């Protein structure tokens, strides 16, 4: 019960405007957002209602080719999401997304606006193979910078994949896995799945440290990819069950199947926390009241807190905040 109350409190915390919170229906969304053309993208709005009325949420003004989903999770709140791959562009473009809540009579009950700036990748072109290797193969203490990765644009993906397939670059595979997720391109999910499930067998503890770090990071990277690959979210939700990981062809040292399953399910839970989609919100809420294993509770609490921030600001901003915080410690 306490976990459930905590979940609702965290979601309610998105409504920071006290005047808006006093209204019968309110909807909140990021006021400003910037993203890179040609790459995966997601933005969410949260509806909060003090009534059980049948409310509808619509959005207008978004770039073409993106998908829209609204799910009423409870009578008191729901989440609307616009996601997909932003169309390529050679010049900056400005959009105003208007989120509108309408009652059964069709009248607008509440509204929120998101000023979206779409910029072309600033570091695209040139010797992309060299640029990718310079970025991905660099040593990072606090993780690769998502902005730098996305500034390379979609043309960087084949070269990131080449690093992930190159056995002489094993010490850079964690960076390659992270970069693949940060681009948010649908095709990267198949490569990451194959890396996670088909590449290794037996005890991996004797392998290079970066190899199992890359394997452990793969579920998180899949969370970044989910906005551009809707079916991926269902797989990620299934991955929160430790039993799902029993069929892994590899193991890590003397850890039992249960221990590894809980750990990998925790990584999937972290991946879910980066997804601003109602289905991901609902999955974490279910886990908070009914985890598969009590050992997951720490992962779940951290994920719910992070997802609250992601809904408010987007995964890219939240991840960069965490990266900078780690640098200052």
Protein backbone atom coordinates (compact mmCIF):
# COMPACT_ATOMS: atom_id res chain seq x y z
CA UNK A 1 0.00 0.00 0.00
CA UNK A 2 2.81 2.41 0.88
CA UNK A 3 4.48 1.78 -2.47
CA UNK A 4 1.20 2.47 -4.25
CA UNK A 5 0.69 5.73 -2.36
CA UNK A 6 4.25 6.72 -3.13
CA UNK A 7 3.65 6.07 -6.85
CA UNK A 8 0.58 8.29 -6.92
CA UNK A 9 2.38 11.02 -4.99
CA UNK A 10 5.27 10.98 -7.44
CA UNK A 11 2.96 11.21 -10.42
CA UNK A 12 0.96 13.96 -8.79
CA UNK A 13 4.20 15.81 -8.20
CA UNK A 14 4.37 16.53 -11.91
CA UNK A 15 1.69 19.15 -11.37
CA UNK A 16 3.88 21.83 -9.88
CA UNK A 17 1.58 24.74 -10.58
CA UNK A 18 -0.63 25.05 -7.50
CA UNK A 19 -3.25 27.11 -9.29
CA UNK A 20 -3.52 24.49 -12.03
CA UNK A 21 -3.71 21.71 -9.44
CA UNK A 22 -6.80 23.32 -7.97
CA UNK A 23 -8.67 23.04 -11.27
CA UNK A 24 -10.96 20.14 -12.07
CA UNK A 25 -8.80 19.00 -14.99
CA UNK A 26 -5.20 19.93 -15.68
CA UNK A 27 -2.62 18.77 -18.20
CA UNK A 28 1.12 19.36 -17.92
CA UNK A 29 3.83 18.95 -20.55
CA UNK A 30 7.39 20.23 -21.05
CA UNK A 31 7.16 23.91 -21.93
CA UNK A 32 10.22 23.72 -24.20
CA UNK A 33 12.07 20.82 -25.77
CA UNK A 34 14.83 20.42 -28.33
CA UNK A 35 15.66 17.34 -30.38
CA UNK A 36 17.70 16.23 -33.37
CA UNK A 37 16.22 15.65 -36.82
CA UNK A 38 16.30 12.10 -38.17
CA UNK A 39 16.46 10.44 -34.75
CA UNK A 40 14.13 8.87 -32.20
CA UNK A 41 11.99 11.23 -30.18
CA UNK A 42 9.34 11.22 -27.48
CA UNK A 43 7.41 13.82 -25.50
CA UNK A 44 4.65 13.20 -22.97
CA UNK A 45 1.88 15.12 -21.26
CA UNK A 46 0.21 14.11 -17.99
CA UNK A 47 -3.51 14.59 -17.41
CA UNK A 48 -4.75 14.96 -13.88
CA UNK A 49 -8.49 15.00 -13.21
CA UNK A 50 -10.48 15.40 -10.00
CA UNK A 51 -13.56 13.93 -11.64
CA UNK A 52 -14.36 10.57 -13.14
CA UNK A 53 -15.62 12.14 -16.34
CA UNK A 54 -14.86 10.62 -19.72
CA UNK A 55 -12.15 13.00 -20.89
CA UNK A 56 -10.27 12.97 -24.17
CA UNK A 57 -6.77 14.27 -24.81
CA UNK A 58 -5.67 15.36 -28.27
CA UNK A 59 -2.52 16.98 -29.62
CA UNK A 60 -1.90 19.16 -32.63
CA UNK A 61 1.07 20.83 -34.26
CA UNK A 62 3.49 17.89 -34.01
CA UNK A 63 5.92 16.95 -36.83
CA UNK A 64 4.54 14.56 -39.45
CA UNK A 65 5.11 10.84 -39.17
CA UNK A 66 4.97 10.54 -35.39
CA UNK A 67 2.53 8.34 -33.50
CA UNK A 68 0.21 9.43 -30.71
CA UNK A 69 -1.12 7.46 -27.76
CA UNK A 70 -3.26 8.38 -24.78
CA UNK A 71 -4.05 5.97 -21.96
CA UNK A 72 -6.17 6.76 -18.93
CA UNK A 73 -4.38 4.85 -16.21
CA UNK A 74 -6.85 5.69 -13.46
CA UNK A 75 -9.88 7.96 -13.20
CA UNK A 76 -7.58 10.60 -11.75
CA UNK A 77 -4.71 10.59 -14.28
CA UNK A 78 -3.49 9.50 -17.68
CA UNK A 79 -0.50 9.96 -19.99
CA UNK A 80 -0.45 11.14 -23.61
CA UNK A 81 2.67 10.53 -25.71
CA UNK A 82 3.92 11.62 -29.13
CA UNK A 83 6.82 9.47 -30.32
CA UNK A 84 8.68 8.11 -33.31
CA UNK A 85 11.52 9.21 -35.56
CA UNK A 86 11.64 12.93 -36.31
CA UNK A 87 11.73 13.59 -40.09
CA UNK A 88 15.19 14.59 -41.41
CA UNK A 89 15.75 18.31 -41.89
CA UNK A 90 18.65 20.42 -43.11
CA UNK A 91 17.58 23.49 -41.18
CA UNK A 92 16.13 24.15 -37.72
CA UNK A 93 12.37 23.95 -37.47
CA UNK A 94 10.00 25.17 -34.78
CA UNK A 95 6.77 23.45 -33.74
CA UNK A 96 4.15 24.24 -31.14
CA UNK A 97 2.47 21.14 -29.76
CA UNK A 98 -0.91 21.92 -28.24
CA UNK A 99 -2.25 19.33 -25.80
CA UNK A 100 -5.99 19.72 -25.27
CA UNK A 101 -8.28 18.03 -22.77
CA UNK A 102 -11.91 17.84 -23.91
CA UNK A 103 -14.99 16.68 -22.06
CA UNK A 104 -17.76 14.47 -23.37
CA UNK A 105 -19.45 17.56 -24.82
CA UNK A 106 -16.36 18.33 -26.92
CA UNK A 107 -15.51 21.52 -25.06
CA UNK A 108 -11.89 22.18 -24.13
CA UNK A 109 -11.36 21.77 -20.39
CA UNK A 110 -7.59 22.32 -20.18
CA UNK A 111 -4.61 22.98 -22.42
CA UNK A 112 -0.80 22.83 -22.35
CA UNK A 113 1.78 23.83 -24.96
CA UNK A 114 5.24 22.51 -25.82
CA UNK A 115 7.58 24.64 -27.90
CA UNK A 116 9.60 22.05 -29.85
CA UNK A 117 12.82 22.92 -31.69
CA UNK A 118 14.13 20.37 -34.20
CA UNK A 119 17.73 20.96 -35.25
CA UNK A 120 19.79 19.12 -37.87
CA UNK A 121 22.70 17.03 -36.54
CA UNK A 122 25.50 19.57 -36.15
CA UNK A 123 28.34 17.10 -36.65
CA UNK A 124 27.01 15.07 -39.57
CA UNK A 125 28.98 14.47 -42.75
CA UNK A 126 32.70 14.23 -43.29
CA UNK A 127 34.66 11.18 -42.23
CA UNK A 128 31.88 9.65 -40.14
CA UNK A 129 33.81 6.46 -39.36
CA UNK A 130 36.60 8.51 -37.77
CA UNK A 131 34.15 10.74 -35.90
CA UNK A 132 32.30 7.76 -34.45
CA UNK A 133 35.48 6.02 -33.34
CA UNK A 134 36.80 9.22 -31.78
CA UNK A 135 33.60 9.60 -29.76
CA UNK A 136 32.66 6.00 -28.93
CA UNK A 137 36.16 4.68 -28.31
CA UNK A 138 37.06 7.50 -25.95
CA UNK A 139 37.42 6.58 -22.27
CA UNK A 140 34.53 7.89 -20.18
CA UNK A 141 34.37 7.93 -16.42
CA UNK A 142 30.75 9.05 -16.20
CA UNK A 143 29.27 7.80 -19.48
CA UNK A 144 29.11 9.00 -23.05
CA UNK A 145 27.42 12.34 -23.79
CA UNK A 146 24.05 11.79 -25.50
CA UNK A 147 24.19 15.22 -27.15
CA UNK A 148 27.49 14.41 -28.82
CA UNK A 149 26.14 11.10 -30.09
CA UNK A 150 22.94 12.59 -31.48
CA UNK A 151 24.81 15.45 -33.12
CA UNK A 152 26.42 12.85 -35.40
CA UNK A 153 22.96 12.06 -36.82
CA UNK A 154 21.55 8.85 -38.29
CA UNK A 155 24.53 8.41 -40.60
CA UNK A 156 26.60 7.36 -37.59
CA UNK A 157 24.62 4.17 -36.94
CA UNK A 158 26.44 1.85 -39.43
CA UNK A 159 29.77 2.86 -37.91
CA UNK A 160 28.52 2.34 -34.34
CA UNK A 161 27.34 -1.11 -35.40
CA UNK A 162 30.75 -1.80 -36.95
CA UNK A 163 32.43 -1.11 -33.59
CA UNK A 164 29.97 -3.41 -31.82
CA UNK A 165 30.84 -6.20 -34.28
CA UNK A 166 34.62 -5.63 -34.15
CA UNK A 167 36.17 -8.00 -31.60
CA UNK A 168 39.28 -5.81 -31.41
CA UNK A 169 37.10 -2.98 -30.02
CA UNK A 170 35.64 -4.90 -27.07
CA UNK A 171 36.81 -2.22 -24.64
CA UNK A 172 34.51 0.23 -26.47
CA UNK A 173 31.39 -1.93 -26.65
CA UNK A 174 29.70 -0.28 -23.68
CA UNK A 175 29.98 3.07 -25.45
CA UNK A 176 28.71 1.54 -28.69
CA UNK A 177 25.69 0.00 -26.93
CA UNK A 178 24.90 3.31 -25.25
CA UNK A 179 25.31 5.24 -28.50
CA UNK A 180 23.01 2.82 -30.31
CA UNK A 181 20.30 3.50 -27.76
CA UNK A 182 20.82 7.25 -27.79
CA UNK A 183 20.21 7.52 -31.54
CA UNK A 184 16.80 5.90 -31.03
CA UNK A 185 16.67 4.34 -34.50
CA UNK A 186 14.35 1.30 -34.83
CA UNK A 187 16.91 -0.92 -36.56
CA UNK A 188 19.29 -0.77 -33.62
CA UNK A 189 17.00 -2.91 -31.46
CA UNK A 190 17.65 -6.07 -33.49
CA UNK A 191 21.40 -5.56 -33.23
CA UNK A 192 21.23 -5.02 -29.48
CA UNK A 193 18.98 -8.05 -29.00
CA UNK A 194 21.43 -10.22 -30.95
CA UNK A 195 24.34 -8.85 -28.91
CA UNK A 196 22.54 -9.65 -25.67
CA UNK A 197 21.16 -13.08 -26.53
CA UNK A 198 23.25 -14.61 -29.33
CA UNK A 199 26.81 -13.35 -29.00
CA UNK A 200 28.09 -15.06 -25.86
CA UNK A 201 27.76 -18.35 -23.99
CA UNK A 202 29.03 -19.79 -20.74
CA UNK A 203 30.71 -17.87 -17.93
CA UNK A 204 31.59 -14.35 -19.10
CA UNK A 205 33.41 -13.32 -15.90
CA UNK A 206 36.78 -14.15 -17.44
CA UNK A 207 36.12 -11.87 -20.43
CA UNK A 208 37.11 -8.22 -20.67
CA UNK A 209 35.28 -6.07 -18.11
CA UNK A 210 33.79 -3.91 -20.87
CA UNK A 211 32.07 -6.92 -22.41
CA UNK A 212 29.82 -7.69 -19.47
CA UNK A 213 29.36 -3.97 -18.80
CA UNK A 214 28.02 -3.69 -22.36
CA UNK A 215 25.73 -6.68 -21.84
CA UNK A 216 24.41 -5.19 -18.60
CA UNK A 217 23.76 -1.84 -20.33
CA UNK A 218 21.86 -3.30 -23.29
CA UNK A 219 18.40 -3.35 -21.58
CA UNK A 220 18.86 0.31 -20.65
CA UNK A 221 19.72 1.19 -24.24
CA UNK A 222 16.60 -0.64 -25.40
CA UNK A 223 14.58 1.69 -23.20
CA UNK A 224 15.96 4.66 -25.13
CA UNK A 225 14.95 2.94 -28.37
CA UNK A 226 11.37 2.21 -27.33
CA UNK A 227 9.82 5.49 -28.62
CA UNK A 228 10.69 4.56 -32.20
CA UNK A 229 9.79 0.87 -31.88
CA UNK A 230 6.38 0.42 -30.17
CA UNK A 231 6.63 -3.39 -29.95
CA UNK A 232 9.90 -3.03 -28.08
CA UNK A 233 8.10 -1.67 -25.04
CA UNK A 234 6.13 -4.91 -24.67
CA UNK A 235 9.39 -6.88 -24.71
CA UNK A 236 10.96 -4.55 -22.17
CA UNK A 237 7.99 -4.99 -19.84
CA UNK A 238 8.32 -8.78 -20.17
CA UNK A 239 12.02 -8.42 -19.33
CA UNK A 240 11.12 -7.12 -15.85
CA UNK A 241 10.34 -10.72 -14.87
CA UNK A 242 13.56 -12.34 -13.57
CA UNK A 243 12.36 -15.68 -14.91
CA UNK A 244 12.64 -14.32 -18.43
CA UNK A 245 16.42 -14.22 -18.07
CA UNK A 246 16.79 -17.89 -17.12
CA UNK A 247 17.32 -18.78 -20.77
CA UNK A 248 20.32 -16.49 -21.19
CA UNK A 249 23.09 -18.51 -22.86
CA UNK A 250 25.70 -16.80 -20.66
CA UNK A 251 26.17 -16.41 -16.93
CA UNK A 252 28.30 -14.23 -14.70
CA UNK A 253 30.64 -16.14 -12.40
CA UNK A 254 29.15 -17.99 -9.45
CA UNK A 255 25.96 -15.91 -9.33
CA UNK A 256 22.89 -18.10 -9.31
CA UNK A 257 20.27 -17.89 -12.01
CA UNK A 258 17.99 -16.04 -9.58
CA UNK A 259 20.62 -13.41 -8.77
CA UNK A 260 21.43 -12.74 -12.41
CA UNK A 261 17.74 -12.72 -13.30
CA UNK A 262 16.96 -10.13 -10.63
CA UNK A 263 19.91 -8.00 -11.73
CA UNK A 264 19.02 -8.10 -15.42
CA UNK A 265 15.35 -7.48 -14.66
CA UNK A 266 16.55 -4.45 -12.70
CA UNK A 267 18.33 -3.20 -15.80
CA UNK A 268 15.09 -3.64 -17.76
CA UNK A 269 13.27 -1.67 -15.05
CA UNK A 270 15.85 1.08 -15.47
CA UNK A 271 15.20 0.97 -19.22
CA UNK A 272 11.48 1.40 -18.57
CA UNK A 273 12.16 4.45 -16.42
CA UNK A 274 13.50 6.23 -19.52
CA UNK A 275 10.24 5.70 -21.44
CA UNK A 276 7.64 8.46 -21.19
CA UNK A 277 4.73 6.28 -22.22
CA UNK A 278 1.60 5.31 -20.28
CA UNK A 279 2.31 1.60 -20.70
CA UNK A 280 5.72 2.03 -19.08
CA UNK A 281 4.15 4.09 -16.28
CA UNK A 282 1.52 1.38 -15.73
CA UNK A 283 4.15 -1.39 -15.73
CA UNK A 284 6.22 0.32 -13.04
CA UNK A 285 3.12 1.01 -10.99
CA UNK A 286 2.13 -2.67 -11.12
CA UNK A 287 5.63 -3.67 -10.06
CA UNK A 288 5.54 -1.25 -7.13
CA UNK A 289 2.61 -3.15 -5.61
CA UNK A 290 3.41 -6.62 -6.90
CA UNK A 291 7.11 -7.15 -7.72
CA UNK A 292 8.23 -10.47 -9.12
CA UNK A 293 10.92 -10.57 -6.43
CA UNK A 294 11.33 -8.43 -3.28
CA UNK A 295 14.91 -7.75 -4.35
CA UNK A 296 13.51 -5.64 -7.20
CA UNK A 297 12.01 -3.00 -4.91
CA UNK A 298 15.09 -0.77 -4.88
CA UNK A 299 15.18 -0.77 -8.68
CA UNK A 300 11.47 -0.01 -8.84
CA UNK A 301 11.59 2.92 -6.43
CA UNK A 302 14.49 4.51 -8.29
CA UNK A 303 12.77 3.89 -11.63
CA UNK A 304 9.52 5.57 -10.59
CA UNK A 305 11.40 8.64 -9.37
CA UNK A 306 13.41 8.82 -12.61
CA UNK A 307 10.35 8.32 -14.79
CA UNK A 308 8.63 11.23 -13.08
CA UNK A 309 11.50 13.42 -14.23
CA UNK A 310 11.48 11.90 -17.73
CA UNK A 311 7.79 12.72 -18.14
CA UNK A 312 8.58 16.27 -17.10
CA UNK A 313 11.76 16.89 -19.13
CA UNK A 314 12.54 13.94 -21.43
CA UNK A 315 15.08 11.13 -20.97
CA UNK A 316 17.93 13.02 -22.61
CA UNK A 317 17.80 15.94 -20.17
CA UNK A 318 17.41 13.61 -17.17
CA UNK A 319 20.33 11.43 -18.18
CA UNK A 320 22.58 14.46 -18.71
CA UNK A 321 21.60 15.81 -15.28
CA UNK A 322 22.56 12.49 -13.68
CA UNK A 323 25.84 12.36 -15.61
CA UNK A 324 26.82 15.85 -14.43
CA UNK A 325 25.80 15.06 -10.85
CA UNK A 326 28.06 12.01 -10.88
CA UNK A 327 30.95 14.15 -12.10
CA UNK A 328 30.53 16.51 -9.15
CA UNK A 329 30.56 13.76 -6.51
